[in-house]
Amino acid sequence: QVHLVESGGGFVQAGGSLRLSCAASGGSFDSYNSGWYRRAPGKEREFVATIRWSSGSAVYSTSVKGRFTISRDIAKNTVYLQMNNLEPEDTAIYYCTWPEPSNAYWGQGIQVTVSS
């Protein structure tokens, strides 16, 4: 069984940055895509970004395009989400998932809170 563990969340002022990490244990991100989703208070879970593990090519939601960057470290079996110019609307629980698009595995979620 693959376990995904997120880290790096917390509190930040609007305009600030955070970097989320998702480390895989009991498996690896050797193939397929991995991604990030988020669920804001009172909202449905939404897609944030996905990355092709082999090439590093990425797809982003419109709401984060140009502000967030997804990346991966193959040797560390870790996927990252660099979040810049954060806005209060980015406040949510962020979830790492693998593989895309079946999303068979999910992290426990990590809170990101952006204050105005």
N, C-alpha and C. Protein backbone atom coordinates (compact mmCIF):
# COMPACT_ATOMS: atom_id res chain seq x y z
N GLN A 1 0.84 -1.18 0.00
CA GLN A 1 0.00 0.00 0.00
C GLN A 1 0.88 1.24 0.00
N VAL A 2 0.50 2.20 -0.81
CA VAL A 2 1.23 3.45 -0.91
C VAL A 2 0.63 4.46 0.05
N HIS A 3 1.47 5.12 0.81
CA HIS A 3 1.05 6.20 1.69
C HIS A 3 1.66 7.50 1.22
N LEU A 4 0.85 8.53 1.17
CA LEU A 4 1.28 9.85 0.75
C LEU A 4 1.15 10.79 1.94
N VAL A 5 2.23 11.48 2.26
CA VAL A 5 2.27 12.34 3.42
C VAL A 5 2.65 13.75 2.99
N GLU A 6 1.73 14.69 3.22
CA GLU A 6 1.99 16.08 2.88
C GLU A 6 2.66 16.80 4.04
N SER A 7 3.42 17.81 3.71
CA SER A 7 4.04 18.67 4.71
C SER A 7 4.25 20.04 4.11
N GLY A 8 4.53 21.02 4.96
CA GLY A 8 4.86 22.35 4.50
C GLY A 8 3.73 23.36 4.53
N GLY A 9 2.57 22.97 5.00
CA GLY A 9 1.47 23.91 5.10
C GLY A 9 1.63 24.84 6.28
N GLY A 10 0.65 25.70 6.46
CA GLY A 10 0.70 26.63 7.57
C GLY A 10 -0.05 27.90 7.28
N PHE A 11 0.34 28.96 7.99
CA PHE A 11 -0.30 30.26 7.88
C PHE A 11 0.64 31.23 7.18
N VAL A 12 0.07 32.04 6.32
CA VAL A 12 0.86 33.00 5.58
C VAL A 12 0.00 34.21 5.24
N GLN A 13 0.64 35.36 5.15
CA GLN A 13 -0.07 36.57 4.73
C GLN A 13 -0.28 36.56 3.23
N ALA A 14 -1.31 37.25 2.80
CA ALA A 14 -1.55 37.39 1.37
C ALA A 14 -0.30 37.95 0.69
N GLY A 15 0.01 37.38 -0.45
CA GLY A 15 1.21 37.76 -1.17
C GLY A 15 2.42 36.93 -0.83
N GLY A 16 2.32 36.14 0.21
CA GLY A 16 3.42 35.30 0.63
C GLY A 16 3.48 33.99 -0.14
N SER A 17 4.41 33.14 0.28
CA SER A 17 4.65 31.88 -0.41
C SER A 17 4.74 30.73 0.56
N LEU A 18 4.37 29.57 0.09
CA LEU A 18 4.54 28.32 0.81
C LEU A 18 4.94 27.25 -0.18
N ARG A 19 5.64 26.25 0.30
CA ARG A 19 6.00 25.11 -0.52
C ARG A 19 5.51 23.84 0.15
N LEU A 20 4.61 23.15 -0.51
CA LEU A 20 4.10 21.89 -0.01
C LEU A 20 4.92 20.73 -0.57
N SER A 21 5.09 19.72 0.25
CA SER A 21 5.77 18.51 -0.18
C SER A 21 4.86 17.31 0.02
N CYS A 22 4.98 16.34 -0.83
CA CYS A 22 4.25 15.09 -0.71
C CYS A 22 5.22 13.96 -0.92
N ALA A 23 5.49 13.23 0.14
CA ALA A 23 6.43 12.12 0.09
C ALA A 23 5.69 10.80 0.06
N ALA A 24 6.11 9.92 -0.82
CA ALA A 24 5.50 8.60 -0.94
C ALA A 24 6.29 7.58 -0.15
N SER A 25 5.58 6.73 0.56
CA SER A 25 6.20 5.60 1.25
C SER A 25 5.46 4.33 0.87
N GLY A 26 6.17 3.23 0.88
CA GLY A 26 5.57 1.97 0.48
C GLY A 26 5.40 1.84 -1.02
N GLY A 27 5.97 2.76 -1.75
CA GLY A 27 5.88 2.79 -3.19
C GLY A 27 6.66 3.96 -3.72
N SER A 28 6.47 4.26 -4.98
CA SER A 28 7.19 5.36 -5.59
C SER A 28 6.34 6.00 -6.67
N PHE A 29 6.79 7.17 -7.10
CA PHE A 29 6.15 7.88 -8.20
C PHE A 29 6.85 7.57 -9.51
N ASP A 30 7.25 6.34 -9.71
CA ASP A 30 8.04 5.99 -10.89
C ASP A 30 7.30 6.20 -12.20
N SER A 31 6.00 6.03 -12.17
CA SER A 31 5.21 6.10 -13.39
C SER A 31 3.94 6.89 -13.16
N TYR A 32 3.28 7.20 -14.25
CA TYR A 32 2.00 7.91 -14.22
C TYR A 32 2.19 9.35 -13.75
N ASN A 33 1.08 10.00 -13.50
CA ASN A 33 1.07 11.37 -13.04
C ASN A 33 0.72 11.45 -11.57
N SER A 34 1.19 12.48 -10.93
CA SER A 34 0.76 12.80 -9.59
C SER A 34 0.17 14.19 -9.59
N GLY A 35 -0.60 14.51 -8.56
CA GLY A 35 -1.26 15.80 -8.58
C GLY A 35 -1.61 16.33 -7.22
N TRP A 36 -2.11 17.55 -7.24
CA TRP A 36 -2.60 18.23 -6.05
C TRP A 36 -4.03 18.68 -6.27
N TYR A 37 -4.83 18.49 -5.25
CA TYR A 37 -6.19 19.00 -5.19
C TYR A 37 -6.34 19.81 -3.91
N ARG A 38 -7.40 20.58 -3.83
CA ARG A 38 -7.66 21.32 -2.60
C ARG A 38 -9.16 21.42 -2.36
N ARG A 39 -9.50 21.60 -1.10
CA ARG A 39 -10.90 21.79 -0.72
C ARG A 39 -10.99 22.98 0.22
N ALA A 40 -11.58 24.04 -0.27
CA ALA A 40 -11.77 25.24 0.52
C ALA A 40 -13.00 25.08 1.41
N PRO A 41 -13.09 25.87 2.48
CA PRO A 41 -14.25 25.78 3.36
C PRO A 41 -15.56 25.97 2.61
N GLY A 42 -16.46 25.03 2.77
CA GLY A 42 -17.76 25.12 2.12
C GLY A 42 -17.75 24.84 0.63
N LYS A 43 -16.63 24.42 0.10
CA LYS A 43 -16.51 24.18 -1.33
C LYS A 43 -16.23 22.71 -1.62
N GLU A 44 -16.47 22.34 -2.87
CA GLU A 44 -16.11 21.01 -3.32
C GLU A 44 -14.61 20.94 -3.57
N ARG A 45 -14.09 19.74 -3.50
CA ARG A 45 -12.68 19.54 -3.82
C ARG A 45 -12.43 19.91 -5.27
N GLU A 46 -11.35 20.62 -5.53
CA GLU A 46 -11.05 21.04 -6.88
C GLU A 46 -9.62 20.68 -7.27
N PHE A 47 -9.46 20.47 -8.53
CA PHE A 47 -8.15 20.18 -9.10
C PHE A 47 -7.26 21.41 -9.04
N VAL A 48 -6.00 21.21 -8.70
CA VAL A 48 -5.02 22.29 -8.66
C VAL A 48 -3.97 22.12 -9.75
N ALA A 49 -3.29 20.99 -9.74
CA ALA A 49 -2.21 20.79 -10.70
C ALA A 49 -1.88 19.31 -10.79
N THR A 50 -1.34 18.91 -11.91
CA THR A 50 -0.85 17.55 -12.10
C THR A 50 0.46 17.60 -12.86
N ILE A 51 1.29 16.61 -12.65
CA ILE A 51 2.59 16.56 -13.30
C ILE A 51 2.84 15.18 -13.86
N ARG A 52 3.36 15.14 -15.07
CA ARG A 52 3.78 13.88 -15.67
C ARG A 52 5.12 13.50 -15.05
N TRP A 53 5.16 12.34 -14.41
CA TRP A 53 6.33 11.97 -13.64
C TRP A 53 7.57 11.84 -14.51
N SER A 54 7.41 11.31 -15.71
CA SER A 54 8.56 11.06 -16.55
C SER A 54 9.17 12.33 -17.12
N SER A 55 8.35 13.22 -17.63
CA SER A 55 8.84 14.40 -18.32
C SER A 55 8.84 15.66 -17.46
N GLY A 56 8.02 15.69 -16.43
CA GLY A 56 7.88 16.89 -15.63
C GLY A 56 6.90 17.90 -16.19
N SER A 57 6.26 17.58 -17.29
CA SER A 57 5.26 18.50 -17.83
C SER A 57 4.08 18.59 -16.89
N ALA A 58 3.47 19.75 -16.84
CA ALA A 58 2.44 20.01 -15.84
C ALA A 58 1.22 20.67 -16.45
N VAL A 59 0.10 20.49 -15.77
CA VAL A 59 -1.16 21.14 -16.10
C VAL A 59 -1.70 21.79 -14.84
N TYR A 60 -2.20 23.01 -14.98
CA TYR A 60 -2.69 23.77 -13.83
C TYR A 60 -4.13 24.20 -14.02
N SER A 61 -4.83 24.36 -12.92
CA SER A 61 -6.13 24.97 -12.99
C SER A 61 -5.98 26.45 -13.29
N THR A 62 -7.01 27.03 -13.85
CA THR A 62 -6.97 28.44 -14.21
C THR A 62 -6.72 29.32 -12.99
N SER A 63 -7.26 28.95 -11.85
CA SER A 63 -7.18 29.78 -10.67
C SER A 63 -5.76 29.91 -10.11
N VAL A 64 -4.88 28.97 -10.42
CA VAL A 64 -3.53 29.00 -9.87
C VAL A 64 -2.47 29.18 -10.93
N LYS A 65 -2.85 29.16 -12.18
CA LYS A 65 -1.89 29.28 -13.28
C LYS A 65 -1.09 30.57 -13.13
N GLY A 66 0.22 30.44 -13.22
CA GLY A 66 1.10 31.59 -13.10
C GLY A 66 1.54 31.89 -11.68
N ARG A 67 0.90 31.28 -10.70
CA ARG A 67 1.26 31.50 -9.30
C ARG A 67 1.82 30.24 -8.64
N PHE A 68 1.31 29.09 -9.02
CA PHE A 68 1.75 27.83 -8.43
C PHE A 68 2.61 27.07 -9.43
N THR A 69 3.55 26.30 -8.90
CA THR A 69 4.39 25.45 -9.72
C THR A 69 4.49 24.07 -9.08
N ILE A 70 4.13 23.06 -9.85
CA ILE A 70 4.27 21.69 -9.38
C ILE A 70 5.57 21.12 -9.93
N SER A 71 6.27 20.37 -9.12
CA SER A 71 7.52 19.77 -9.53
C SER A 71 7.71 18.45 -8.80
N ARG A 72 8.72 17.71 -9.20
CA ARG A 72 8.97 16.43 -8.54
C ARG A 72 10.45 16.14 -8.46
N ASP A 73 10.82 15.37 -7.47
CA ASP A 73 12.18 14.87 -7.30
C ASP A 73 12.08 13.36 -7.36
N ILE A 74 12.50 12.80 -8.47
CA ILE A 74 12.35 11.37 -8.67
C ILE A 74 13.12 10.57 -7.63
N ALA A 75 14.34 10.99 -7.34
CA ALA A 75 15.17 10.26 -6.40
C ALA A 75 14.57 10.24 -4.99
N LYS A 76 13.86 11.30 -4.63
CA LYS A 76 13.28 11.41 -3.30
C LYS A 76 11.83 10.95 -3.24
N ASN A 77 11.29 10.52 -4.38
CA ASN A 77 9.89 10.10 -4.43
C ASN A 77 8.98 11.16 -3.81
N THR A 78 9.20 12.38 -4.22
CA THR A 78 8.50 13.51 -3.64
C THR A 78 7.99 14.45 -4.72
N VAL A 79 6.78 14.91 -4.55
CA VAL A 79 6.21 15.92 -5.43
C VAL A 79 5.99 17.19 -4.62
N TYR A 80 6.22 18.33 -5.24
CA TYR A 80 6.13 19.61 -4.56
C TYR A 80 5.08 20.50 -5.20
N LEU A 81 4.60 21.43 -4.43
CA LEU A 81 3.74 22.48 -4.94
C LEU A 81 4.24 23.80 -4.37
N GLN A 82 4.93 24.57 -5.20
CA GLN A 82 5.38 25.89 -4.81
C GLN A 82 4.25 26.88 -5.06
N MET A 83 3.82 27.56 -4.02
CA MET A 83 2.69 28.47 -4.09
C MET A 83 3.19 29.88 -3.81
N ASN A 84 3.11 30.72 -4.82
CA ASN A 84 3.55 32.11 -4.71
C ASN A 84 2.36 33.05 -4.85
N ASN A 85 2.55 34.27 -4.37
CA ASN A 85 1.51 35.29 -4.44
C ASN A 85 0.17 34.74 -3.95
N LEU A 86 0.21 34.15 -2.78
CA LEU A 86 -0.98 33.52 -2.23
C LEU A 86 -2.07 34.53 -1.93
N GLU A 87 -3.29 34.11 -2.11
CA GLU A 87 -4.47 34.93 -1.87
C GLU A 87 -5.35 34.25 -0.83
N PRO A 88 -6.18 35.02 -0.13
CA PRO A 88 -7.09 34.39 0.84
C PRO A 88 -7.94 33.29 0.22
N GLU A 89 -8.26 33.42 -1.05
CA GLU A 89 -9.06 32.41 -1.74
C GLU A 89 -8.32 31.08 -1.88
N ASP A 90 -7.02 31.09 -1.66
CA ASP A 90 -6.24 29.85 -1.70
C ASP A 90 -6.33 29.06 -0.41
N THR A 91 -6.95 29.63 0.61
CA THR A 91 -7.12 28.93 1.88
C THR A 91 -7.91 27.65 1.65
N ALA A 92 -7.33 26.53 2.04
CA ALA A 92 -7.95 25.24 1.78
C ALA A 92 -7.11 24.14 2.43
N ILE A 93 -7.67 22.96 2.45
CA ILE A 93 -6.90 21.77 2.74
C ILE A 93 -6.39 21.23 1.41
N TYR A 94 -5.10 21.03 1.33
CA TYR A 94 -4.48 20.57 0.10
C TYR A 94 -4.15 19.08 0.20
N TYR A 95 -4.46 18.36 -0.86
CA TYR A 95 -4.27 16.92 -0.90
C TYR A 95 -3.37 16.52 -2.05
N CYS A 96 -2.44 15.66 -1.76
CA CYS A 96 -1.62 15.03 -2.79
C CYS A 96 -2.29 13.74 -3.23
N THR A 97 -2.20 13.42 -4.51
CA THR A 97 -2.83 12.22 -5.02
C THR A 97 -1.97 11.55 -6.09
N TRP A 98 -2.11 10.24 -6.19
CA TRP A 98 -1.41 9.43 -7.19
C TRP A 98 -2.14 8.12 -7.34
N PRO A 99 -2.17 7.54 -8.53
CA PRO A 99 -1.81 8.16 -9.80
C PRO A 99 -2.98 8.92 -10.42
N GLU A 100 -2.66 9.85 -11.27
CA GLU A 100 -3.70 10.49 -12.09
C GLU A 100 -3.92 9.64 -13.33
N PRO A 101 -5.16 9.50 -13.76
CA PRO A 101 -6.35 10.15 -13.22
C PRO A 101 -7.18 9.27 -12.30
N SER A 102 -6.73 8.08 -11.98
CA SER A 102 -7.54 7.20 -11.14
C SER A 102 -7.57 7.64 -9.68
N ASN A 103 -6.55 8.36 -9.23
CA ASN A 103 -6.48 8.89 -7.87
C ASN A 103 -6.73 7.80 -6.83
N ALA A 104 -6.03 6.70 -6.97
CA ALA A 104 -6.22 5.59 -6.07
C ALA A 104 -5.71 5.88 -4.66
N TYR A 105 -4.75 6.77 -4.54
CA TYR A 105 -4.16 7.10 -3.25
C TYR A 105 -4.21 8.59 -3.00
N TRP A 106 -4.47 8.93 -1.75
CA TRP A 106 -4.56 10.32 -1.32
C TRP A 106 -3.77 10.52 -0.03
N GLY A 107 -3.17 11.68 0.09
CA GLY A 107 -2.60 12.06 1.37
C GLY A 107 -3.70 12.45 2.33
N GLN A 108 -3.32 12.67 3.57
CA GLN A 108 -4.31 13.00 4.60
C GLN A 108 -4.80 14.44 4.51
N GLY A 109 -4.11 15.25 3.75
CA GLY A 109 -4.46 16.65 3.61
C GLY A 109 -3.65 17.52 4.54
N ILE A 110 -3.35 18.73 4.09
CA ILE A 110 -2.60 19.67 4.90
C ILE A 110 -3.22 21.05 4.74
N GLN A 111 -3.35 21.76 5.86
CA GLN A 111 -4.04 23.04 5.87
C GLN A 111 -3.12 24.16 5.39
N VAL A 112 -3.65 24.98 4.51
CA VAL A 112 -3.01 26.21 4.09
C VAL A 112 -3.99 27.34 4.38
N THR A 113 -3.56 28.30 5.17
CA THR A 113 -4.41 29.43 5.52
C THR A 113 -3.71 30.72 5.12
N VAL A 114 -4.39 31.51 4.32
CA VAL A 114 -3.85 32.77 3.83
C VAL A 114 -4.70 33.90 4.38
N SER A 115 -4.09 34.77 5.14
CA SER A 115 -4.80 35.88 5.75
C SER A 115 -4.67 37.13 4.89
N SER A 116 -5.68 37.98 4.97
CA SER A 116 -5.68 39.21 4.20
C SER A 116 -4.92 40.31 4.92
